[in-house]
Amino acid sequence: MNEIFSIKDKVAVITGASGVLGGSLAKSFIEAGAKIVAVGRNQETLDSRVKELADSGGDAFAVEANVMNIESLEAASKKIIEKYGRIDILLNIAGGNIPTATLSPEQSFFDINMKGWDEVTDLNINGTVYPSYVFGKVMAEQGSGSIVNISSMAAYSAITRVAGYSAAKSAITNFTQWLASDLALKFGDKIRVNAVAPGFFIGDQNRAILLNPDGSLTDRSKKVIAKTPMQRFGEVEELNGAVQFLCSDAASFITGALLPVDGGFSAFSGV
């Protein structure tokens, strides 16, 4: 039974691999025997990440590319194929909210910084669509592959202050379903596209609105915990198993799915 969950020797492309979530997944996948291709915009940061992975005994390769630039991604794809000959997994991890797209508690929709709106929607929508377009084509040509996207609790119901991020992640959920259907219908049942919807994890992007300078919970955090039956924030490592499952043969009949990893946040009414 354990073999069905294996991703050993699979070539896994991870965008945003130099970040907290991408780095955690890269480490987890290396430990599971996958070959990691770390994709990001900063070669120096990528090289540092790959060195960490290689020092642990894994097979890792760094490719500099901008997820919002098709030509950059196509050049990266060529390098990956030259080295490994195939792409089995794509984890679209690059994305997240940005400060200029976040409203303060006192602001309304009409105070949105539209430049911030454009940046956050471009990063989260096109930053997933473009890699899927380039690396997914390789999967279509070889007749197999698994893509996992990152959605959000903000795609389930309205979360205040992050309108652009919420809209973008809702689009990712819809795009996941659309692409899953299109690839299965036109290229067969060996190509799958799914998404995970993380609950609340404290990271670099949201730390300032979830934690006070002294480390105590903000009012927003207290609301999150009250709506989370497990009564805590998630640990970034708790996403790894769900993503690996979706990339393995254990999920061979799962495509177009959105898997919440949220401590029960999306299931609980708050009452």
Protein backbone atom coordinates (compact mmCIF):
# COMPACT_ATOMS: atom_id res chain seq x y z
CA MET A 1 0.00 0.00 0.00
CA ASN A 2 2.80 2.45 0.79
CA GLU A 3 4.02 2.31 -2.83
CA ILE A 4 0.82 3.90 -4.07
CA PHE A 5 1.66 7.07 -2.13
CA SER A 6 5.21 7.20 -3.49
CA ILE A 7 6.63 10.08 -5.55
CA LYS A 8 10.12 8.56 -5.66
CA ASP A 9 12.13 9.60 -8.75
CA LYS A 10 9.38 11.94 -9.95
CA VAL A 11 10.63 15.26 -11.38
CA ALA A 12 8.85 17.98 -9.44
CA VAL A 13 8.94 21.62 -10.54
CA ILE A 14 8.21 23.96 -7.62
CA THR A 15 7.62 27.66 -8.26
CA GLY A 16 8.26 29.91 -5.29
CA ALA A 17 10.68 27.29 -3.99
CA SER A 18 12.76 29.87 -2.15
CA GLY A 19 9.80 30.87 0.04
CA VAL A 20 8.60 29.33 3.30
CA LEU A 21 5.86 27.12 1.83
CA GLY A 22 7.79 26.22 -1.32
CA GLY A 23 10.88 25.44 0.74
CA SER A 24 8.94 23.19 3.10
CA LEU A 25 7.42 21.27 0.20
CA ALA A 26 10.78 20.98 -1.55
CA LYS A 27 12.36 19.50 1.58
CA SER A 28 9.45 17.11 2.07
CA PHE A 29 9.52 15.98 -1.57
CA ILE A 30 13.30 15.49 -1.47
CA GLU A 31 12.89 13.29 1.60
CA ALA A 32 10.26 11.31 -0.33
CA GLY A 33 12.77 10.67 -3.14
CA ALA A 34 11.56 13.15 -5.74
CA LYS A 35 13.91 15.18 -7.96
CA ILE A 36 13.33 18.87 -7.28
CA VAL A 37 13.52 21.75 -9.74
CA ALA A 38 13.41 24.99 -7.75
CA VAL A 39 12.04 27.87 -9.83
CA GLY A 40 12.20 31.52 -8.76
CA ARG A 41 13.36 34.99 -9.72
CA ASN A 42 16.55 35.19 -7.66
CA GLN A 43 19.31 32.80 -8.71
CA GLU A 44 21.34 33.38 -5.55
CA THR A 45 18.42 32.55 -3.28
CA LEU A 46 17.57 29.50 -5.39
CA ASP A 47 21.14 28.26 -5.27
CA SER A 48 21.07 28.52 -1.48
CA ARG A 49 17.84 26.50 -1.35
CA VAL A 50 19.19 23.84 -3.71
CA LYS A 51 22.39 23.55 -1.67
CA GLU A 52 20.28 22.83 1.42
CA LEU A 53 18.39 20.14 -0.48
CA ALA A 54 21.53 18.62 -1.98
CA ASP A 55 23.26 18.59 1.41
CA SER A 56 20.44 16.40 2.67
CA GLY A 57 21.29 13.89 -0.04
CA GLY A 58 18.65 14.89 -2.58
CA ASP A 59 18.68 15.56 -6.31
CA ALA A 60 17.89 19.26 -6.77
CA PHE A 61 18.32 21.77 -9.59
CA ALA A 62 17.81 25.55 -9.60
CA VAL A 63 16.32 27.39 -12.60
CA GLU A 64 15.83 31.15 -12.55
CA ALA A 65 12.52 32.19 -14.11
CA ASN A 66 9.72 34.71 -13.64
CA VAL A 67 6.32 33.03 -13.28
CA MET A 68 4.68 36.05 -14.90
CA ASN A 69 6.80 35.85 -18.06
CA ILE A 70 6.08 33.14 -20.64
CA GLU A 71 9.45 33.43 -22.43
CA SER A 72 11.29 33.08 -19.13
CA LEU A 73 9.31 29.96 -18.26
CA GLU A 74 9.84 28.43 -21.70
CA ALA A 75 13.59 28.89 -21.33
CA ALA A 76 13.38 27.21 -17.91
CA SER A 77 11.35 24.33 -19.34
CA LYS A 78 14.02 23.71 -21.98
CA LYS A 79 16.72 23.51 -19.29
CA ILE A 80 14.63 21.08 -17.23
CA ILE A 81 13.99 18.79 -20.18
CA GLU A 82 17.67 18.86 -21.11
CA LYS A 83 18.58 17.74 -17.58
CA TYR A 84 15.80 15.32 -16.65
CA GLY A 85 13.93 14.56 -19.87
CA ARG A 86 10.49 15.00 -18.34
CA ILE A 87 8.31 16.87 -15.84
CA ASP A 88 6.04 14.77 -13.64
CA ILE A 89 4.81 17.28 -11.06
CA LEU A 90 4.19 21.02 -11.02
CA LEU A 91 3.56 22.76 -7.70
CA ASN A 92 2.37 26.31 -8.33
CA ILE A 93 3.44 27.79 -5.00
CA ALA A 94 4.51 31.29 -6.09
CA GLY A 95 1.92 33.85 -5.03
CA GLY A 96 0.46 35.40 -1.90
CA ASN A 97 -0.83 38.74 -0.73
CA ILE A 98 1.13 42.00 -0.90
CA PRO A 99 1.04 45.01 1.49
CA THR A 100 -0.20 47.52 -1.10
CA ALA A 101 -3.25 45.32 -1.78
CA THR A 102 -4.25 45.08 1.89
CA LEU A 103 -6.77 47.49 3.37
CA SER A 104 -6.42 48.81 6.89
CA PRO A 105 -9.34 48.09 9.28
CA GLU A 106 -10.69 51.61 8.70
CA GLN A 107 -10.55 51.52 4.89
CA SER A 108 -13.29 50.41 2.49
CA PHE A 109 -13.40 49.08 -1.06
CA PHE A 110 -13.15 52.63 -2.37
CA ASP A 111 -9.76 53.05 -0.73
CA ILE A 112 -8.17 50.15 -2.61
CA ASN A 113 -4.82 50.88 -4.23
CA MET A 114 -5.58 49.77 -7.78
CA LYS A 115 -1.90 49.31 -8.60
CA GLY A 116 -1.74 46.89 -5.66
CA TRP A 117 -4.90 45.19 -6.95
CA ASP A 118 -3.31 44.67 -10.36
CA GLU A 119 -0.09 43.34 -8.84
CA VAL A 120 -1.73 40.84 -6.50
CA THR A 121 -4.17 39.51 -9.09
CA ASP A 122 -1.43 39.25 -11.72
CA LEU A 123 0.89 37.41 -9.34
CA ASN A 124 -1.69 34.93 -8.11
CA ILE A 125 -3.65 34.30 -11.32
CA ASN A 126 -1.09 34.59 -14.10
CA GLY A 127 1.64 33.36 -11.74
CA THR A 128 -0.25 30.06 -11.75
CA VAL A 129 -1.72 30.08 -15.26
CA TYR A 130 1.58 30.79 -17.04
CA PRO A 131 3.59 27.94 -15.42
CA SER A 132 0.65 25.60 -16.03
CA TYR A 133 0.63 26.68 -19.68
CA VAL A 134 4.35 26.04 -20.17
CA PHE A 135 5.07 23.03 -17.94
CA GLY A 136 1.61 21.53 -18.44
CA LYS A 137 2.32 21.33 -22.18
CA VAL A 138 5.25 19.03 -21.41
CA MET A 139 2.91 16.81 -19.39
CA ALA A 140 0.36 16.78 -22.21
CA GLU A 141 3.02 15.71 -24.69
CA GLN A 142 4.31 12.91 -22.45
CA GLY A 143 0.76 11.84 -21.49
CA SER A 144 1.07 12.12 -17.72
CA GLY A 145 1.60 14.56 -14.90
CA SER A 146 0.13 16.18 -11.82
CA ILE A 147 -0.38 19.89 -11.16
CA VAL A 148 -1.21 21.23 -7.70
CA ASN A 149 -2.29 24.85 -7.24
CA ILE A 150 -2.67 26.93 -4.09
CA SER A 151 -6.10 28.37 -3.34
CA SER A 152 -7.18 29.86 -0.01
CA MET A 153 -9.87 30.10 2.64
CA ALA A 154 -10.59 33.44 0.97
CA ALA A 155 -12.00 31.46 -1.98
CA TYR A 156 -14.69 29.93 0.28
CA SER A 157 -16.17 33.07 1.82
CA ALA A 158 -15.36 36.74 2.23
CA ILE A 159 -12.34 37.66 4.35
CA THR A 160 -12.06 41.35 5.10
CA ARG A 161 -9.20 43.62 3.94
CA VAL A 162 -7.83 41.37 1.13
CA ALA A 163 -10.19 41.86 -1.81
CA GLY A 164 -7.61 41.38 -4.58
CA TYR A 165 -6.06 38.31 -3.03
CA SER A 166 -9.52 36.83 -2.41
CA ALA A 167 -10.63 37.41 -6.00
CA ALA A 168 -7.41 35.90 -7.34
CA LYS A 169 -7.62 32.78 -5.20
CA SER A 170 -11.26 32.29 -6.17
CA ALA A 171 -10.08 32.43 -9.77
CA ILE A 172 -7.46 29.78 -9.01
CA THR A 173 -10.15 27.43 -7.69
CA ASN A 174 -12.16 27.89 -10.89
CA PHE A 175 -9.07 27.60 -13.11
CA THR A 176 -8.11 24.35 -11.35
CA GLN A 177 -11.50 22.85 -12.21
CA TRP A 178 -11.39 24.15 -15.78
CA LEU A 179 -7.86 22.94 -16.51
CA ALA A 180 -8.49 19.56 -14.87
CA SER A 181 -11.47 19.03 -17.14
CA ASP A 182 -9.74 20.22 -20.29
CA LEU A 183 -6.59 18.13 -19.83
CA ALA A 184 -8.49 14.96 -18.93
CA LEU A 185 -10.87 15.28 -21.85
CA LYS A 186 -8.17 16.05 -24.42
CA PHE A 187 -5.04 14.31 -23.13
CA GLY A 188 -6.29 11.39 -21.04
CA ASP A 189 -6.76 10.31 -17.45
CA LYS A 190 -3.06 10.37 -16.49
CA ILE A 191 -2.91 14.17 -16.27
CA ARG A 192 -4.51 15.62 -13.16
CA VAL A 193 -4.95 19.12 -11.74
CA ASN A 194 -5.95 19.78 -8.14
CA ALA A 195 -5.60 22.49 -5.52
CA VAL A 196 -5.14 22.76 -1.79
CA ALA A 197 -6.73 25.55 0.23
CA PRO A 198 -4.56 26.33 3.23
CA GLY A 199 -6.21 27.65 6.35
CA PHE A 200 -4.35 30.13 8.52
CA PHE A 201 -0.61 29.67 8.76
CA ILE A 202 1.63 32.42 10.09
CA GLY A 203 4.23 33.38 7.50
CA ASP A 204 6.23 36.38 6.40
CA GLN A 205 3.35 37.82 4.35
CA ASN A 206 0.70 37.84 7.09
CA ARG A 207 2.72 37.97 10.31
CA ALA A 208 2.12 41.69 10.88
CA ILE A 209 -1.68 41.35 10.80
CA LEU A 210 -1.83 38.13 12.83
CA LEU A 211 0.73 38.85 15.54
CA ASN A 212 1.48 41.94 17.59
CA PRO A 213 5.14 43.00 17.95
CA ASP A 214 5.28 41.18 21.31
CA GLY A 215 4.06 37.94 19.72
CA SER A 216 0.55 38.08 21.12
CA LEU A 217 -2.54 37.55 18.96
CA THR A 218 -4.10 40.51 17.17
CA ASP A 219 -7.87 40.99 17.19
CA ARG A 220 -7.93 39.47 13.69
CA SER A 221 -6.07 36.38 14.93
CA LYS A 222 -8.51 35.92 17.77
CA LYS A 223 -11.36 35.85 15.24
CA VAL A 224 -9.48 33.26 13.17
CA ILE A 225 -8.91 30.98 16.16
CA ALA A 226 -12.55 31.34 17.23
CA LYS A 227 -13.61 30.11 13.75
CA THR A 228 -11.09 27.22 13.73
CA PRO A 229 -12.33 24.11 15.59
CA MET A 230 -8.75 22.92 16.18
CA GLN A 231 -8.18 26.24 18.02
CA ARG A 232 -4.73 26.93 16.57
CA PHE A 233 -2.86 28.07 13.49
CA GLY A 234 -1.43 25.49 11.11
CA GLU A 235 2.23 24.55 10.87
CA VAL A 236 3.60 24.88 7.34
CA GLU A 237 4.74 21.24 7.38
CA GLU A 238 1.11 20.17 7.76
CA LEU A 239 0.49 20.96 4.08
CA ASN A 240 3.16 18.56 2.82
CA GLY A 241 1.26 15.28 3.17
CA ALA A 242 -1.85 16.57 1.42
CA VAL A 243 0.17 17.86 -1.54
CA GLN A 244 2.20 14.66 -1.82
CA PHE A 245 -1.01 12.61 -1.74
CA LEU A 246 -2.46 14.61 -4.66
CA CYS A 247 0.75 14.02 -6.66
CA SER A 248 0.83 10.28 -6.02
CA ASP A 249 -0.96 7.33 -7.62
CA ALA A 250 -3.12 7.15 -4.50
CA ALA A 251 -5.01 10.10 -6.01
CA SER A 252 -5.20 8.63 -9.53
CA PHE A 253 -8.97 9.24 -9.81
CA ILE A 254 -8.91 12.70 -8.26
CA THR A 255 -8.83 15.75 -10.50
CA GLY A 256 -10.42 19.18 -10.26
CA ALA A 257 -10.60 18.87 -6.47
CA LEU A 258 -10.04 21.53 -3.82
CA LEU A 259 -8.69 20.08 -0.59
CA PRO A 260 -8.91 22.33 2.49
CA VAL A 261 -6.07 21.99 5.00
CA ASP A 262 -7.49 24.33 7.58
CA GLY A 263 -8.13 22.81 10.99
CA GLY A 264 -11.85 22.80 10.19
CA PHE A 265 -12.13 26.56 9.45
CA SER A 266 -14.16 26.06 6.25
CA ALA A 267 -16.50 23.53 7.87
CA PHE A 268 -17.39 25.48 11.01
CA SER A 269 -20.15 28.10 11.16
CA GLY A 270 -18.70 29.64 14.29
CA VAL A 271 -21.68 28.51 16.38
